[in-house]
Amino acid sequence: MKALTYHGPHHVQVENVPDPGIEQADDIILRITATAICGSDLHLYRGKIPQVKHGDIFWS
């Protein structure tokens, strides 16, 4: 599947990543048909959240 991945402040890429899998008995997989961003998402994009690491998936 395609996902937006983080590679540093102001540097994100759309990449192919493995499809998700069921890991726990109560897990589900949803098909996303639309999405949006809000102002707080820009904190991630701008590198203001120290927990975000290179290669993390933002949105898929």
PDB file of N, CA and C in Angstrom:
ATOM      1  N   MET A   1       0.844  -1.165   0.000  1.00  0.00           N
ATOM      2  CA  MET A   1       0.000   0.000   0.000  1.00  0.00           C
ATOM      3  C   MET A   1       0.893   1.234   0.000  1.00  0.00           C
ATOM      4  N   LYS A   2       0.318   2.362  -0.297  1.00  0.00           N
ATOM      5  CA  LYS A   2       1.057   3.621  -0.287  1.00  0.00           C
ATOM      6  C   LYS A   2       0.862   4.315   1.054  1.00  0.00           C
ATOM      7  N   ALA A   3       1.927   4.968   1.538  1.00  0.00           N
ATOM      8  CA  ALA A   3       1.855   5.688   2.809  1.00  0.00           C
ATOM      9  C   ALA A   3       2.770   6.903   2.734  1.00  0.00           C
ATOM     10  N   LEU A   4       2.441   7.918   3.506  1.00  0.00           N
ATOM     11  CA  LEU A   4       3.282   9.100   3.629  1.00  0.00           C
ATOM     12  C   LEU A   4       4.275   8.855   4.754  1.00  0.00           C
ATOM     13  N   THR A   5       5.559   8.884   4.436  1.00  0.00           N
ATOM     14  CA  THR A   5       6.591   8.589   5.427  1.00  0.00           C
ATOM     15  C   THR A   5       7.446   9.822   5.695  1.00  0.00           C
ATOM     16  N   TYR A   6       7.921   9.915   6.927  1.00  0.00           N
ATOM     17  CA  TYR A   6       8.700  11.062   7.403  1.00  0.00           C
ATOM     18  C   TYR A   6      10.188  10.818   7.196  1.00  0.00           C
ATOM     19  N   HIS A   7      10.870  11.816   6.650  1.00  0.00           N
ATOM     20  CA  HIS A   7      12.316  11.708   6.422  1.00  0.00           C
ATOM     21  C   HIS A   7      13.056  12.953   6.893  1.00  0.00           C
ATOM     22  N   GLY A   8      12.452  13.704   7.789  1.00  0.00           N
ATOM     23  CA  GLY A   8      13.053  14.910   8.333  1.00  0.00           C
ATOM     24  C   GLY A   8      12.114  16.089   8.161  1.00  0.00           C
ATOM     25  N   PRO A   9      12.379  17.184   8.855  1.00  0.00           N
ATOM     26  CA  PRO A   9      11.517  18.358   8.744  1.00  0.00           C
ATOM     27  C   PRO A   9      11.340  18.791   7.283  1.00  0.00           C
ATOM     28  N   HIS A  10      10.091  18.979   6.896  1.00  0.00           N
ATOM     29  CA  HIS A  10       9.722  19.414   5.542  1.00  0.00           C
ATOM     30  C   HIS A  10      10.098  18.385   4.479  1.00  0.00           C
ATOM     31  N   HIS A  11      10.336  17.147   4.859  1.00  0.00           N
ATOM     32  CA  HIS A  11      10.716  16.106   3.904  1.00  0.00           C
ATOM     33  C   HIS A  11       9.898  14.844   4.179  1.00  0.00           C
ATOM     34  N   VAL A  12       8.831  14.687   3.411  1.00  0.00           N
ATOM     35  CA  VAL A  12       8.002  13.491   3.477  1.00  0.00           C
ATOM     36  C   VAL A  12       7.939  12.893   2.077  1.00  0.00           C
ATOM     37  N   GLN A  13       7.682  11.595   2.011  1.00  0.00           N
ATOM     38  CA  GLN A  13       7.601  10.907   0.731  1.00  0.00           C
ATOM     39  C   GLN A  13       6.432   9.938   0.747  1.00  0.00           C
ATOM     40  N   VAL A  14       5.810   9.768  -0.416  1.00  0.00           N
ATOM     41  CA  VAL A  14       4.820   8.710  -0.586  1.00  0.00           C
ATOM     42  C   VAL A  14       5.592   7.475  -1.027  1.00  0.00           C
ATOM     43  N   GLU A  15       5.479   6.409  -0.234  1.00  0.00           N
ATOM     44  CA  GLU A  15       6.238   5.192  -0.503  1.00  0.00           C
ATOM     45  C   GLU A  15       5.328   3.976  -0.411  1.00  0.00           C
ATOM     46  N   ASN A  16       5.757   2.898  -1.043  1.00  0.00           N
ATOM     47  CA  ASN A  16       5.088   1.619  -0.865  1.00  0.00           C
ATOM     48  C   ASN A  16       5.573   1.011   0.443  1.00  0.00           C
ATOM     49  N   VAL A  17       4.634   0.593   1.274  1.00  0.00           N
ATOM     50  CA  VAL A  17       4.941  -0.053   2.547  1.00  0.00           C
ATOM     51  C   VAL A  17       4.129  -1.344   2.623  1.00  0.00           C
ATOM     52  N   PRO A  18       4.519  -2.280   3.482  1.00  0.00           N
ATOM     53  CA  PRO A  18       3.764  -3.532   3.598  1.00  0.00           C
ATOM     54  C   PRO A  18       2.316  -3.283   4.034  1.00  0.00           C
ATOM     55  N   ASP A  19       1.418  -4.103   3.520  1.00  0.00           N
ATOM     56  CA  ASP A  19       0.027  -4.043   3.966  1.00  0.00           C
ATOM     57  C   ASP A  19      -0.044  -4.384   5.448  1.00  0.00           C
ATOM     58  N   PRO A  20      -0.980  -3.778   6.165  1.00  0.00           N
ATOM     59  CA  PRO A  20      -1.126  -4.106   7.584  1.00  0.00           C
ATOM     60  C   PRO A  20      -1.649  -5.528   7.754  1.00  0.00           C
ATOM     61  N   GLY A  21      -1.431  -6.078   8.919  1.00  0.00           N
ATOM     62  CA  GLY A  21      -1.925  -7.416   9.220  1.00  0.00           C
ATOM     63  C   GLY A  21      -2.632  -7.441  10.557  1.00  0.00           C
ATOM     64  N   ILE A  22      -3.389  -8.481  10.764  1.00  0.00           N
ATOM     65  CA  ILE A  22      -4.073  -8.689  12.036  1.00  0.00           C
ATOM     66  C   ILE A  22      -3.059  -9.271  13.021  1.00  0.00           C
ATOM     67  N   GLU A  23      -2.849  -8.581  14.147  1.00  0.00           N
ATOM     68  CA  GLU A  23      -1.895  -9.044  15.151  1.00  0.00           C
ATOM     69  C   GLU A  23      -2.574  -9.491  16.439  1.00  0.00           C
ATOM     70  N   GLN A  24      -3.689  -8.889  16.781  1.00  0.00           N
ATOM     71  CA  GLN A  24      -4.438  -9.224  17.993  1.00  0.00           C
ATOM     72  C   GLN A  24      -5.842  -9.674  17.585  1.00  0.00           C
ATOM     73  N   ALA A  25      -6.482 -10.445  18.434  1.00  0.00           N
ATOM     74  CA  ALA A  25      -7.809 -10.986  18.123  1.00  0.00           C
ATOM     75  C   ALA A  25      -8.843  -9.891  17.877  1.00  0.00           C
ATOM     76  N   ASP A  26      -8.672  -8.728  18.489  1.00  0.00           N
ATOM     77  CA  ASP A  26      -9.664  -7.664  18.318  1.00  0.00           C
ATOM     78  C   ASP A  26      -9.214  -6.586  17.326  1.00  0.00           C
ATOM     79  N   ASP A  27      -8.167  -6.844  16.531  1.00  0.00           N
ATOM     80  CA  ASP A  27      -7.721  -5.905  15.500  1.00  0.00           C
ATOM     81  C   ASP A  27      -8.677  -5.911  14.316  1.00  0.00           C
ATOM     82  N   ILE A  28      -8.737  -4.787  13.615  1.00  0.00           N
ATOM     83  CA  ILE A  28      -9.473  -4.694  12.358  1.00  0.00           C
ATOM     84  C   ILE A  28      -8.613  -3.913  11.374  1.00  0.00           C
ATOM     85  N   ILE A  29      -8.899  -4.065  10.105  1.00  0.00           N
ATOM     86  CA  ILE A  29      -8.252  -3.287   9.053  1.00  0.00           C
ATOM     87  C   ILE A  29      -9.346  -2.517   8.332  1.00  0.00           C
ATOM     88  N   LEU A  30      -9.160  -1.211   8.216  1.00  0.00           N
ATOM     89  CA  LEU A  30     -10.130  -0.344   7.553  1.00  0.00           C
ATOM     90  C   LEU A  30      -9.582   0.127   6.220  1.00  0.00           C
ATOM     91  N   ARG A  31     -10.461   0.294   5.256  1.00  0.00           N
ATOM     92  CA  ARG A  31     -10.082   0.912   3.988  1.00  0.00           C
ATOM     93  C   ARG A  31     -10.421   2.394   4.093  1.00  0.00           C
ATOM     94  N   ILE A  32      -9.429   3.248   3.954  1.00  0.00           N
ATOM     95  CA  ILE A  32      -9.625   4.689   4.029  1.00  0.00           C
ATOM     96  C   ILE A  32      -9.975   5.191   2.633  1.00  0.00           C
ATOM     97  N   THR A  33     -11.076   5.912   2.520  1.00  0.00           N
ATOM     98  CA  THR A  33     -11.492   6.429   1.213  1.00  0.00           C
ATOM     99  C   THR A  33     -11.291   7.928   1.087  1.00  0.00           C
ATOM    100  N   ALA A  34     -11.108   8.620   2.189  1.00  0.00           N
ATOM    101  CA  ALA A  34     -10.858  10.061   2.160  1.00  0.00           C
ATOM    102  C   ALA A  34     -10.157  10.446   3.453  1.00  0.00           C
ATOM    103  N   THR A  35      -9.429  11.522   3.403  1.00  0.00           N
ATOM    104  CA  THR A  35      -8.736  12.004   4.586  1.00  0.00           C
ATOM    105  C   THR A  35      -8.569  13.512   4.492  1.00  0.00           C
ATOM    106  N   ALA A  36      -8.142  14.110   5.561  1.00  0.00           N
ATOM    107  CA  ALA A  36      -7.885  15.549   5.593  1.00  0.00           C
ATOM    108  C   ALA A  36      -6.752  15.804   6.576  1.00  0.00           C
ATOM    109  N   ILE A  37      -6.230  16.991   6.557  1.00  0.00           N
ATOM    110  CA  ILE A  37      -5.221  17.374   7.536  1.00  0.00           C
ATOM    111  C   ILE A  37      -5.725  18.583   8.299  1.00  0.00           C
ATOM    112  N   CYS A  38      -5.153  18.801   9.457  1.00  0.00           N
ATOM    113  CA  CYS A  38      -5.489  20.000  10.224  1.00  0.00           C
ATOM    114  C   CYS A  38      -4.188  20.705  10.592  1.00  0.00           C
ATOM    115  N   GLY A  39      -4.298  21.856  11.179  1.00  0.00           N
ATOM    116  CA  GLY A  39      -3.122  22.646  11.516  1.00  0.00           C
ATOM    117  C   GLY A  39      -2.137  21.920  12.405  1.00  0.00           C
ATOM    118  N   SER A  40      -2.627  21.083  13.307  1.00  0.00           N
ATOM    119  CA  SER A  40      -1.703  20.372  14.202  1.00  0.00           C
ATOM    120  C   SER A  40      -0.850  19.352  13.449  1.00  0.00           C
ATOM    121  N   ASP A  41      -1.305  18.885  12.285  1.00  0.00           N
ATOM    122  CA  ASP A  41      -0.486  17.981  11.475  1.00  0.00           C
ATOM    123  C   ASP A  41       0.793  18.662  11.003  1.00  0.00           C
ATOM    124  N   LEU A  42       0.765  19.976  10.898  1.00  0.00           N
ATOM    125  CA  LEU A  42       1.956  20.704  10.462  1.00  0.00           C
ATOM    126  C   LEU A  42       3.084  20.605  11.483  1.00  0.00           C
ATOM    127  N   HIS A  43       2.752  20.389  12.753  1.00  0.00           N
ATOM    128  CA  HIS A  43       3.792  20.194  13.766  1.00  0.00           C
ATOM    129  C   HIS A  43       4.627  18.959  13.419  1.00  0.00           C
ATOM    130  N   LEU A  44       3.976  17.898  12.976  1.00  0.00           N
ATOM    131  CA  LEU A  44       4.692  16.693  12.550  1.00  0.00           C
ATOM    132  C   LEU A  44       5.567  17.000  11.342  1.00  0.00           C
ATOM    133  N   TYR A  45       4.970  17.628  10.340  1.00  0.00           N
ATOM    134  CA  TYR A  45       5.669  17.935   9.095  1.00  0.00           C
ATOM    135  C   TYR A  45       6.888  18.824   9.338  1.00  0.00           C
ATOM    136  N   ARG A  46       6.754  19.764  10.244  1.00  0.00           N
ATOM    137  CA  ARG A  46       7.840  20.714  10.506  1.00  0.00           C
ATOM    138  C   ARG A  46       8.898  20.170  11.466  1.00  0.00           C
ATOM    139  N   GLY A  47       8.713  18.942  11.961  1.00  0.00           N
ATOM    140  CA  GLY A  47       9.701  18.326  12.837  1.00  0.00           C
ATOM    141  C   GLY A  47       9.646  18.815  14.268  1.00  0.00           C
ATOM    142  N   LYS A  48       8.495  19.319  14.707  1.00  0.00           N
ATOM    143  CA  LYS A  48       8.359  19.875  16.056  1.00  0.00           C
ATOM    144  C   LYS A  48       7.986  18.826  17.102  1.00  0.00           C
ATOM    145  N   ILE A  49       7.775  17.588  16.689  1.00  0.00           N
ATOM    146  CA  ILE A  49       7.418  16.502  17.604  1.00  0.00           C
ATOM    147  C   ILE A  49       8.633  15.572  17.700  1.00  0.00           C
ATOM    148  N   PRO A  50       9.367  15.609  18.801  1.00  0.00           N
ATOM    149  CA  PRO A  50      10.626  14.857  18.878  1.00  0.00           C
ATOM    150  C   PRO A  50      10.460  13.340  18.799  1.00  0.00           C
ATOM    151  N   GLN A  51       9.278  12.818  19.065  1.00  0.00           N
ATOM    152  CA  GLN A  51       9.070  11.367  19.023  1.00  0.00           C
ATOM    153  C   GLN A  51       9.003  10.831  17.592  1.00  0.00           C
ATOM    154  N   VAL A  52       8.810  11.696  16.607  1.00  0.00           N
ATOM    155  CA  VAL A  52       8.715  11.258  15.212  1.00  0.00           C
ATOM    156  C   VAL A  52      10.120  10.942  14.707  1.00  0.00           C
ATOM    157  N   LYS A  53      10.259   9.722  14.146  1.00  0.00           N
ATOM    158  CA  LYS A  53      11.560   9.257  13.686  1.00  0.00           C
ATOM    159  C   LYS A  53      11.563   9.073  12.171  1.00  0.00           C
ATOM    160  N   HIS A  54      12.754   9.070  11.604  1.00  0.00           N
ATOM    161  CA  HIS A  54      12.946   8.826  10.175  1.00  0.00           C
ATOM    162  C   HIS A  54      12.266   7.512   9.795  1.00  0.00           C
ATOM    163  N   GLY A  55      11.443   7.550   8.756  1.00  0.00           N
ATOM    164  CA  GLY A  55      10.748   6.357   8.281  1.00  0.00           C
ATOM    165  C   GLY A  55       9.382   6.130   8.892  1.00  0.00           C
ATOM    166  N   ASP A  56       9.001   6.902   9.916  1.00  0.00           N
ATOM    167  CA  ASP A  56       7.663   6.756  10.505  1.00  0.00           C
ATOM    168  C   ASP A  56       6.594   7.027   9.452  1.00  0.00           C
ATOM    169  N   ILE A  57       5.500   6.303   9.549  1.00  0.00           N
ATOM    170  CA  ILE A  57       4.372   6.493   8.636  1.00  0.00           C
ATOM    171  C   ILE A  57       3.436   7.524   9.237  1.00  0.00           C
ATOM    172  N   PHE A  58       3.161   8.583   8.468  1.00  0.00           N
ATOM    173  CA  PHE A  58       2.211   9.602   8.915  1.00  0.00           C
ATOM    174  C   PHE A  58       0.792   9.166   8.604  1.00  0.00           C
ATOM    175  N   TRP A  59       0.492   9.038   7.355  1.00  0.00           N
ATOM    176  CA  TRP A  59      -0.851   8.673   6.919  1.00  0.00           C
ATOM    177  C   TRP A  59      -0.704   7.641   5.832  1.00  0.00           C
ATOM    178  N   SER A  60      -1.599   6.673   5.817  1.00  0.00           N
ATOM    179  CA  SER A  60      -1.536   5.639   4.787  1.00  0.00           C
ATOM    180  C   SER A  60      -2.910   5.409   4.212  1.00  0.00           C
TER     181      SER A  60
END
